[in-house]
Amino acid sequence: MNNLPAKDVVLSFFKDWETGFTAAFERWIHPEGTWQNTGLPDQVGKDAILAWLAKYNDIMEMPYGRVEMLSLACDGDNKVLTERIDHLWNDDDKRHSAKIMGTFEIQDGLIIRYSDYFDASQFNAEAFLGQ
C-alpha cells in the first residue's frame, strides 16, 4: 500500500510500462483487481490478470509501452479517467500505437479496476483470442 493520490498511481503505472508490462502490473494491480478490455473477457484477480498479460505478451510480442496522455480527469479520490495513445514496442523495434479511453479505480494505493475502451480493429483481436 502507498499514499499516492489516485492520479499518481495511474501515472506511475504507465511510467513503469516503459521497462515492461509484467513488472508494472505486478507492482500496481490490487490482488483483487479486475482488468476489462473492449471485446475481451474480464480478468478478475491478480493471478488471472497476470496470466492474461502473459498470453498477450506471447501473442503480440510487444512487452513495453509508453503512454501519450491526451486528457486525464479525476472523479473523487479514487477514480481516474484517461484519453491516451498507447505506444507499444519490443526489442526488435516492432511497434504499434492505439487510441484508448480508460477508467481506473484505486483502492489501498493500487489499481482495483482497470477498464480500457477502444476500437478493437486497432488490434488483431482474432489472433489474440486464438480464433
Protein backbone atom coordinates (compact mmCIF):
# COMPACT_ATOMS: atom_id res chain seq x y z
CA MET A 1 0.00 0.00 0.00
CA ASN A 2 1.17 3.54 -0.72
CA ASN A 3 -0.20 7.00 -0.02
CA LEU A 4 -0.09 8.34 -3.58
CA PRO A 5 -3.12 10.18 -4.93
CA ALA A 6 -5.10 8.13 -7.47
CA LYS A 7 -3.78 10.22 -10.38
CA ASP A 8 -0.18 9.49 -9.36
CA VAL A 9 -0.87 5.75 -9.05
CA VAL A 10 -2.13 5.67 -12.64
CA LEU A 11 0.72 7.81 -13.97
CA SER A 12 3.27 5.66 -12.13
CA PHE A 13 1.68 2.51 -13.54
CA PHE A 14 2.00 3.93 -17.06
CA LYS A 15 5.58 5.09 -16.47
CA ASP A 16 6.52 1.57 -15.40
CA TRP A 17 5.27 0.22 -18.75
CA GLU A 18 8.45 1.62 -20.28
CA THR A 19 10.51 -1.09 -18.56
CA GLY A 20 7.91 -3.84 -19.06
CA PHE A 21 4.22 -4.52 -18.64
CA THR A 22 4.68 -7.53 -16.37
CA ALA A 23 6.59 -5.67 -13.67
CA ALA A 24 4.17 -2.73 -13.86
CA PHE A 25 1.14 -4.98 -13.43
CA GLU A 26 2.80 -6.92 -10.61
CA ARG A 27 3.57 -3.68 -8.78
CA TRP A 28 0.36 -1.67 -9.31
CA ILE A 29 -2.56 -4.13 -9.62
CA HIS A 30 -4.54 -4.89 -6.46
CA PRO A 31 -4.71 -8.61 -5.51
CA GLU A 32 -8.49 -8.47 -6.08
CA GLY A 33 -8.23 -6.29 -9.18
CA THR A 34 -10.28 -6.52 -12.35
CA TRP A 35 -8.97 -5.82 -15.87
CA GLN A 36 -11.52 -5.15 -18.58
CA ASN A 37 -10.82 -4.63 -22.28
CA THR A 38 -13.32 -3.95 -25.04
CA GLY A 39 -14.48 -7.21 -26.60
CA LEU A 40 -12.38 -9.46 -24.37
CA PRO A 41 -13.33 -11.42 -21.25
CA ASP A 42 -12.89 -9.66 -17.91
CA GLN A 43 -9.94 -10.86 -15.85
CA VAL A 44 -10.63 -10.95 -12.11
CA GLY A 45 -7.87 -11.32 -9.53
CA LYS A 46 -4.21 -10.50 -9.92
CA ASP A 47 -3.26 -14.09 -10.87
CA ALA A 48 -5.82 -14.13 -13.71
CA ILE A 49 -4.70 -10.68 -14.84
CA LEU A 50 -1.03 -11.71 -14.94
CA ALA A 51 -1.92 -14.92 -16.83
CA TRP A 52 -3.89 -12.88 -19.41
CA LEU A 53 -1.00 -10.43 -19.70
CA ALA A 54 1.39 -13.33 -20.33
CA LYS A 55 -0.90 -14.53 -23.13
CA TYR A 56 -0.95 -11.00 -24.58
CA ASN A 57 2.86 -10.81 -24.42
CA ASP A 58 3.22 -14.21 -26.14
CA ILE A 59 0.89 -13.28 -28.99
CA MET A 60 1.54 -9.58 -29.51
CA GLU A 61 5.27 -9.72 -28.69
CA MET A 62 5.31 -6.10 -27.53
CA PRO A 63 6.09 -6.14 -23.80
CA TYR A 64 6.80 -2.41 -23.42
CA GLY A 65 4.70 0.72 -23.69
CA ARG A 66 4.72 4.47 -23.43
CA VAL A 67 1.56 6.46 -22.88
CA GLU A 68 0.92 9.73 -24.65
CA MET A 69 -1.66 11.29 -22.35
CA LEU A 70 -4.21 13.44 -24.19
CA SER A 71 -6.61 14.05 -21.29
CA LEU A 72 -6.81 12.97 -17.68
CA ALA A 73 -9.61 13.62 -15.21
CA CYS A 74 -10.17 12.58 -11.62
CA ASP A 75 -13.60 11.77 -10.23
CA GLY A 76 -13.32 11.94 -6.47
CA ASP A 77 -10.38 10.45 -4.61
CA ASN A 78 -10.27 7.05 -6.28
CA LYS A 79 -11.28 7.25 -9.96
CA VAL A 80 -9.12 8.39 -12.88
CA LEU A 81 -10.31 8.72 -16.47
CA THR A 82 -7.79 8.79 -19.31
CA GLU A 83 -7.77 9.58 -23.01
CA ARG A 84 -4.47 8.46 -24.42
CA ILE A 85 -2.41 6.91 -27.16
CA ASP A 86 -0.62 3.75 -26.09
CA HIS A 87 2.64 3.23 -27.98
CA LEU A 88 3.75 -0.41 -27.72
CA TRP A 89 7.05 -1.99 -28.82
CA ASN A 90 9.52 -4.84 -28.45
CA ASP A 91 13.29 -5.26 -28.53
CA ASP A 92 13.22 -5.90 -32.31
CA ASP A 93 11.61 -2.47 -32.90
CA LYS A 94 8.17 -3.91 -33.69
CA ARG A 95 5.75 -1.09 -32.87
CA HIS A 96 2.04 -0.41 -32.61
CA SER A 97 0.02 2.59 -31.38
CA ALA A 98 -3.63 2.72 -30.36
CA LYS A 99 -6.06 5.40 -29.15
CA ILE A 100 -7.69 4.33 -25.89
CA MET A 101 -10.07 5.66 -23.25
CA GLY A 102 -9.56 4.16 -19.81
CA THR A 103 -11.06 4.12 -16.34
CA PHE A 104 -9.04 3.30 -13.25
CA GLU A 105 -10.34 2.81 -9.73
CA ILE A 106 -7.82 2.90 -6.90
CA GLN A 107 -8.05 1.13 -3.54
CA ASP A 108 -5.30 0.97 -0.93
CA GLY A 109 -2.92 2.70 -3.34
CA LEU A 110 -3.35 0.02 -6.03
CA ILE A 111 -5.47 -0.37 -9.16
CA ILE A 112 -8.57 -2.37 -8.24
CA ARG A 113 -10.32 -1.82 -11.60
CA TYR A 114 -8.66 -1.12 -14.94
CA SER A 115 -11.02 -0.78 -17.90
CA ASP A 116 -9.96 0.18 -21.43
CA TYR A 117 -12.36 1.15 -24.20
CA PHE A 118 -11.08 1.18 -27.76
CA ASP A 119 -11.78 0.31 -31.36
CA ALA A 120 -10.72 -3.35 -31.45
CA SER A 121 -9.88 -3.09 -35.15
CA GLN A 122 -6.68 -1.33 -34.00
CA PHE A 123 -5.54 -4.74 -32.76
CA ASN A 124 -5.62 -8.22 -34.21
CA ALA A 125 -8.28 -9.37 -31.74
CA GLU A 126 -8.88 -12.66 -33.57
CA ALA A 127 -5.26 -13.70 -33.13
CA PHE A 128 -5.31 -12.62 -29.50
CA LEU A 129 -8.38 -14.72 -28.78
CA GLY A 130 -6.94 -17.66 -30.69
CA GLN A 131 -9.81 -17.77 -33.19
